[in-house]
Amino acid sequence: MTGKELRLGRIRDDESGNFVTVPMDHGVTIGPVEGLNDVHETIDAIARGGGDSVLVHKGVVEHSFGNVQEDVGLVVHLNAATSVGPDPNNKVMVGDVKRAVRLGADAVSVHINVGSETEPHQLQDLGKVADDCDEYGMPLVAMTYVRGPDIEPTAENVAHATRLGAELGADVVKTSYTGDPDGYERVIDGSPVPVVIAGGPKAETEREVLRDIRDAMDVGARGIAMGRNVFQHDDVEAMTRAVSRVVHDGASVDEALTEVDR
């Protein structure tokens, strides 16, 4: 077994082989939003609820991850942009694989926006990180989104974005759910590596979140990488458990809702 395979095993469930990852890199993108003030308590709640890993920037690892009491996998995010900058879609590198290794990462992640004006340099960054990951035996999660002035997140475009993540060396691809199981099946079928769905904006109800996860899992998704709909919930542990039941246990939406309706 290679180092990459060993590390992948730390960010996915042993039995189902699926992924429940909670990204918490939002502090760079949109600031200190609700749910991220006490990061180590939030991470503990995610772990208690059955989450497999959390995704954070390097500074959070250094200042908060060491206080975490529960066992949970660590994904270190390597690029960023702010929502108030001149181009929020222009993701630039703010970390590297070597630093992630020193921090004890189980995987790294890179975000690219397909169709953005700065897509070429983001593709170069993804390819370079993939090469570095192979050198260090580090799994790579590619967050591939369809975002730009002249492109729409159709199933065809999401499938293209997902495929290019795999083609450039990602071990797992995170991408938007199209809202349509048939369309998303096309996305899944076009990827040779596991695909997990992104959470997107905060939803109005837990049922809406769990329904999208269930629909995506039914057509072949391998889990979720969902932030605000988990860490901004009133009961982070319960919401993580509900999501985990769908992803890892094959629960229905109604079965999973019992975890947050107690």
Protein backbone atom coordinates (compact mmCIF):
# COMPACT_ATOMS: atom_id res chain seq x y z
CA MET A 1 0.00 0.00 0.00
CA THR A 2 1.37 3.41 -0.95
CA GLY A 3 1.56 6.49 1.25
CA LYS A 4 -1.17 8.11 -0.83
CA GLU A 5 -3.48 5.14 -0.28
CA LEU A 6 -2.79 5.18 3.45
CA ARG A 7 -3.62 8.87 3.68
CA LEU A 8 -6.77 8.48 1.59
CA GLY A 9 -7.94 5.94 4.13
CA ARG A 10 -7.82 8.66 6.80
CA ILE A 11 -10.27 10.94 4.99
CA ARG A 12 -12.91 8.38 4.03
CA ASP A 13 -15.05 5.82 5.82
CA ASP A 14 -13.49 2.37 6.16
CA GLU A 15 -16.70 0.45 5.45
CA SER A 16 -18.51 2.49 2.79
CA GLY A 17 -15.41 3.97 1.17
CA ASN A 18 -17.32 7.26 0.95
CA PHE A 19 -16.39 10.74 2.10
CA VAL A 20 -17.95 13.17 4.57
CA THR A 21 -15.70 16.23 4.51
CA VAL A 22 -16.56 19.58 6.05
CA PRO A 23 -14.71 22.51 4.45
CA MET A 24 -14.03 25.40 6.82
CA ASP A 25 -11.85 27.58 4.63
CA HIS A 26 -14.48 30.33 4.54
CA GLY A 27 -12.58 32.66 6.87
CA VAL A 28 -10.37 33.71 3.98
CA THR A 29 -13.16 33.91 1.42
CA ILE A 30 -15.92 35.68 3.36
CA GLY A 31 -14.50 36.36 6.82
CA PRO A 32 -15.26 35.10 10.35
CA VAL A 33 -18.74 33.74 9.65
CA GLU A 34 -21.01 32.13 12.22
CA GLY A 35 -19.87 28.64 13.17
CA LEU A 36 -16.14 29.25 12.83
CA ASN A 37 -15.37 31.30 15.93
CA ASP A 38 -14.62 28.23 18.04
CA VAL A 39 -13.02 26.10 15.36
CA HIS A 40 -11.74 23.27 17.52
CA GLU A 41 -15.16 22.75 19.15
CA THR A 42 -16.78 22.70 15.71
CA ILE A 43 -14.25 20.14 14.50
CA ASP A 44 -14.87 17.99 17.58
CA ALA A 45 -18.63 18.08 16.90
CA ILE A 46 -18.06 17.05 13.29
CA ALA A 47 -15.91 14.13 14.40
CA ARG A 48 -18.47 13.01 17.00
CA GLY A 49 -21.15 13.12 14.31
CA GLY A 50 -19.25 10.75 12.05
CA GLY A 51 -17.47 13.19 9.76
CA ASP A 52 -14.37 11.77 8.12
CA SER A 53 -12.33 14.95 7.64
CA VAL A 54 -12.28 18.71 7.82
CA LEU A 55 -10.75 21.06 5.26
CA VAL A 56 -8.96 24.17 6.53
CA HIS A 57 -6.17 26.61 5.72
CA LYS A 58 -2.70 26.17 7.20
CA GLY A 59 -3.14 28.83 9.89
CA VAL A 60 -6.12 27.04 11.38
CA VAL A 61 -4.03 23.87 11.64
CA GLU A 62 -1.30 25.72 13.49
CA HIS A 63 -3.57 27.66 15.86
CA SER A 64 -6.64 25.46 16.37
CA PHE A 65 -6.29 21.91 15.09
CA GLY A 66 -3.92 20.94 17.88
CA ASN A 67 -6.71 21.57 20.41
CA VAL A 68 -9.06 19.08 18.76
CA GLN A 69 -9.90 16.16 21.03
CA GLU A 70 -11.62 13.86 18.54
CA ASP A 71 -10.00 11.87 15.73
CA VAL A 72 -10.71 13.34 12.30
CA GLY A 73 -8.85 13.52 8.99
CA LEU A 74 -7.14 16.75 7.92
CA VAL A 75 -7.25 18.31 4.45
CA VAL A 76 -5.15 21.46 4.01
CA HIS A 77 -6.39 23.92 1.40
CA LEU A 78 -3.70 25.50 -0.76
CA ASN A 79 -5.23 28.39 -2.70
CA ALA A 80 -7.60 31.25 -2.00
CA ALA A 81 -9.33 34.50 -2.96
CA THR A 82 -11.54 36.91 -1.05
CA SER A 83 -15.11 37.90 -1.88
CA VAL A 84 -14.15 41.58 -1.68
CA GLY A 85 -11.15 41.43 -4.00
CA PRO A 86 -11.08 42.65 -7.60
CA ASP A 87 -11.82 39.13 -8.91
CA PRO A 88 -13.20 36.60 -6.40
CA ASN A 89 -12.86 33.86 -9.03
CA ASN A 90 -9.09 34.36 -9.27
CA LYS A 91 -7.73 31.71 -6.92
CA VAL A 92 -4.03 32.08 -6.12
CA MET A 93 -1.66 29.75 -4.31
CA VAL A 94 -1.19 30.46 -0.59
CA GLY A 95 0.39 27.17 0.49
CA ASP A 96 2.24 24.13 -0.85
CA VAL A 97 2.37 20.39 -0.41
CA LYS A 98 5.66 20.42 1.48
CA ARG A 99 4.18 22.68 4.17
CA ALA A 100 1.07 20.50 4.32
CA VAL A 101 3.26 17.45 4.97
CA ARG A 102 4.94 19.25 7.88
CA LEU A 103 1.50 20.13 9.28
CA GLY A 104 0.45 16.46 9.26
CA ALA A 105 -2.09 16.71 6.45
CA ASP A 106 -3.86 13.61 5.20
CA ALA A 107 -4.69 15.36 1.90
CA VAL A 108 -4.52 18.76 0.22
CA SER A 109 -7.06 20.61 -1.88
CA VAL A 110 -6.99 23.14 -4.70
CA HIS A 111 -9.94 25.18 -6.01
CA ILE A 112 -10.21 26.16 -9.67
CA ASN A 113 -12.94 28.10 -11.46
CA VAL A 114 -13.50 26.76 -14.96
CA GLY A 115 -14.58 29.52 -17.31
CA SER A 116 -13.09 32.32 -15.24
CA GLU A 117 -10.79 34.90 -16.80
CA THR A 118 -7.86 33.46 -14.87
CA GLU A 119 -8.60 29.82 -15.61
CA PRO A 120 -5.23 29.18 -17.38
CA HIS A 121 -3.06 29.95 -14.37
CA GLN A 122 -5.40 28.01 -12.09
CA LEU A 123 -5.04 24.96 -14.33
CA GLN A 124 -1.27 25.34 -14.17
CA ASP A 125 -1.43 25.51 -10.38
CA LEU A 126 -3.56 22.37 -10.19
CA GLY A 127 -1.18 20.47 -12.44
CA LYS A 128 1.86 21.56 -10.42
CA VAL A 129 0.23 20.59 -7.11
CA ALA A 130 -0.71 17.20 -8.56
CA ASP A 131 2.94 16.58 -9.45
CA ASP A 132 4.03 17.60 -5.94
CA CYS A 133 1.39 15.31 -4.43
CA ASP A 134 2.78 12.35 -6.37
CA GLU A 135 6.27 13.16 -5.08
CA TYR A 136 5.13 13.25 -1.45
CA GLY A 137 2.46 10.53 -1.58
CA MET A 138 -0.24 13.09 -0.77
CA PRO A 139 -3.87 12.74 -1.94
CA LEU A 140 -5.27 15.68 -3.91
CA VAL A 141 -8.86 16.94 -3.76
CA ALA A 142 -9.69 19.21 -6.69
CA MET A 143 -12.59 21.62 -6.20
CA THR A 144 -13.69 22.27 -9.77
CA TYR A 145 -16.44 24.83 -10.19
CA VAL A 146 -18.07 26.33 -13.26
CA ARG A 147 -17.75 30.06 -12.62
CA GLY A 148 -17.09 32.86 -15.06
CA PRO A 149 -18.63 35.73 -17.00
CA ASP A 150 -19.73 33.68 -20.01
CA ILE A 151 -20.45 30.20 -18.69
CA GLU A 152 -23.39 28.51 -16.98
CA PRO A 153 -23.25 25.52 -14.57
CA THR A 154 -25.06 23.15 -16.93
CA ALA A 155 -24.60 19.42 -16.53
CA GLU A 156 -22.35 19.43 -19.60
CA ASN A 157 -20.10 22.14 -18.18
CA VAL A 158 -20.00 20.61 -14.70
CA ALA A 159 -19.06 17.28 -16.29
CA HIS A 160 -16.26 19.02 -18.18
CA ALA A 161 -14.96 20.72 -15.02
CA THR A 162 -15.09 17.44 -13.11
CA ARG A 163 -13.30 15.48 -15.80
CA LEU A 164 -10.47 17.99 -16.10
CA GLY A 165 -9.84 17.71 -12.35
CA ALA A 166 -9.31 13.99 -12.76
CA GLU A 167 -7.30 14.41 -15.94
CA LEU A 168 -4.88 16.78 -14.20
CA GLY A 169 -4.18 14.39 -11.35
CA ALA A 170 -6.82 14.75 -8.63
CA ASP A 171 -7.67 11.70 -6.52
CA VAL A 172 -11.10 13.08 -5.56
CA VAL A 173 -13.11 15.84 -7.26
CA LYS A 174 -15.54 18.10 -5.45
CA THR A 175 -18.05 19.87 -7.67
CA SER A 176 -21.46 21.50 -7.57
CA TYR A 177 -24.61 19.42 -7.62
CA THR A 178 -26.64 20.27 -10.72
CA GLY A 179 -29.98 19.85 -8.94
CA ASP A 180 -30.96 17.13 -11.40
CA PRO A 181 -30.04 13.48 -10.73
CA ASP A 182 -30.10 12.58 -14.43
CA GLY A 183 -27.76 15.45 -15.27
CA TYR A 184 -25.50 14.61 -12.37
CA GLU A 185 -25.27 11.00 -13.47
CA ARG A 186 -23.57 12.32 -16.58
CA VAL A 187 -21.09 14.16 -14.36
CA ILE A 188 -20.35 11.00 -12.38
CA ASP A 189 -20.07 8.77 -15.44
CA GLY A 190 -17.49 11.11 -16.97
CA SER A 191 -15.09 10.93 -14.03
CA PRO A 192 -12.57 8.13 -13.43
CA VAL A 193 -12.09 9.24 -9.80
CA PRO A 194 -14.61 9.62 -6.94
CA VAL A 195 -16.86 12.68 -7.12
CA VAL A 196 -18.27 14.38 -4.01
CA ILE A 197 -20.87 17.12 -4.06
CA ALA A 198 -20.32 20.63 -2.80
CA GLY A 199 -22.71 22.11 -0.28
CA GLY A 200 -23.23 25.55 -1.74
CA PRO A 201 -25.04 28.39 0.09
CA LYS A 202 -26.87 27.82 3.37
CA ALA A 203 -30.12 26.00 2.59
CA GLU A 204 -33.47 26.81 4.17
CA THR A 205 -34.14 23.31 5.50
CA GLU A 206 -32.27 20.15 6.42
CA ARG A 207 -34.60 18.18 4.14
CA GLU A 208 -33.40 20.17 1.15
CA VAL A 209 -29.77 19.43 1.97
CA LEU A 210 -30.31 15.74 2.63
CA ARG A 211 -32.49 15.31 -0.45
CA ASP A 212 -29.73 16.64 -2.72
CA ILE A 213 -27.20 14.33 -1.07
CA ARG A 214 -29.50 11.32 -1.40
CA ASP A 215 -30.24 12.08 -5.06
CA ALA A 216 -26.54 12.50 -5.86
CA MET A 217 -25.55 9.34 -4.00
CA ASP A 218 -28.22 7.39 -5.88
CA VAL A 219 -26.53 8.18 -9.21
CA GLY A 220 -23.00 7.40 -8.05
CA ALA A 221 -21.62 10.28 -5.99
CA ARG A 222 -19.17 9.15 -3.32
CA GLY A 223 -20.05 11.64 -0.61
CA ILE A 224 -20.01 15.31 0.24
CA ALA A 225 -17.68 18.20 0.93
CA MET A 226 -20.18 20.50 2.61
CA GLY A 227 -19.41 23.52 4.77
CA ARG A 228 -22.05 26.04 5.82
CA ASN A 229 -24.94 23.58 5.83
CA VAL A 230 -23.04 21.64 8.49
CA PHE A 231 -20.89 24.02 10.56
CA GLN A 232 -23.59 26.73 10.69
CA HIS A 233 -26.29 24.33 11.87
CA ASP A 234 -27.67 24.83 15.38
CA ASP A 235 -26.46 21.33 16.23
CA VAL A 236 -23.32 20.59 14.24
CA GLU A 237 -22.94 17.08 15.62
CA ALA A 238 -26.52 16.11 14.81
CA MET A 239 -26.37 17.52 11.27
CA THR A 240 -23.09 15.74 10.62
CA ARG A 241 -24.66 12.52 11.86
CA ALA A 242 -27.65 13.00 9.56
CA VAL A 243 -25.40 13.57 6.56
CA SER A 244 -23.21 10.62 7.52
CA ARG A 245 -26.20 8.31 7.71
CA VAL A 246 -27.07 9.14 4.09
CA VAL A 247 -23.49 8.91 2.81
CA HIS A 248 -22.21 5.95 4.83
CA ASP A 249 -25.32 3.96 5.75
CA GLY A 250 -27.52 4.52 2.70
CA ALA A 251 -30.28 6.05 4.83
CA SER A 252 -33.29 7.72 3.28
CA VAL A 253 -33.95 11.41 3.80
CA ASP A 254 -36.67 10.69 6.36
CA GLU A 255 -34.42 8.28 8.26
CA ALA A 256 -31.59 10.80 8.35
CA LEU A 257 -33.91 13.61 9.48
CA THR A 258 -34.55 11.74 12.71
CA GLU A 259 -31.02 12.73 13.77
CA VAL A 260 -31.85 16.46 13.70
CA ASP A 261 -35.50 16.22 14.80
CA ARG A 262 -34.84 14.69 18.21
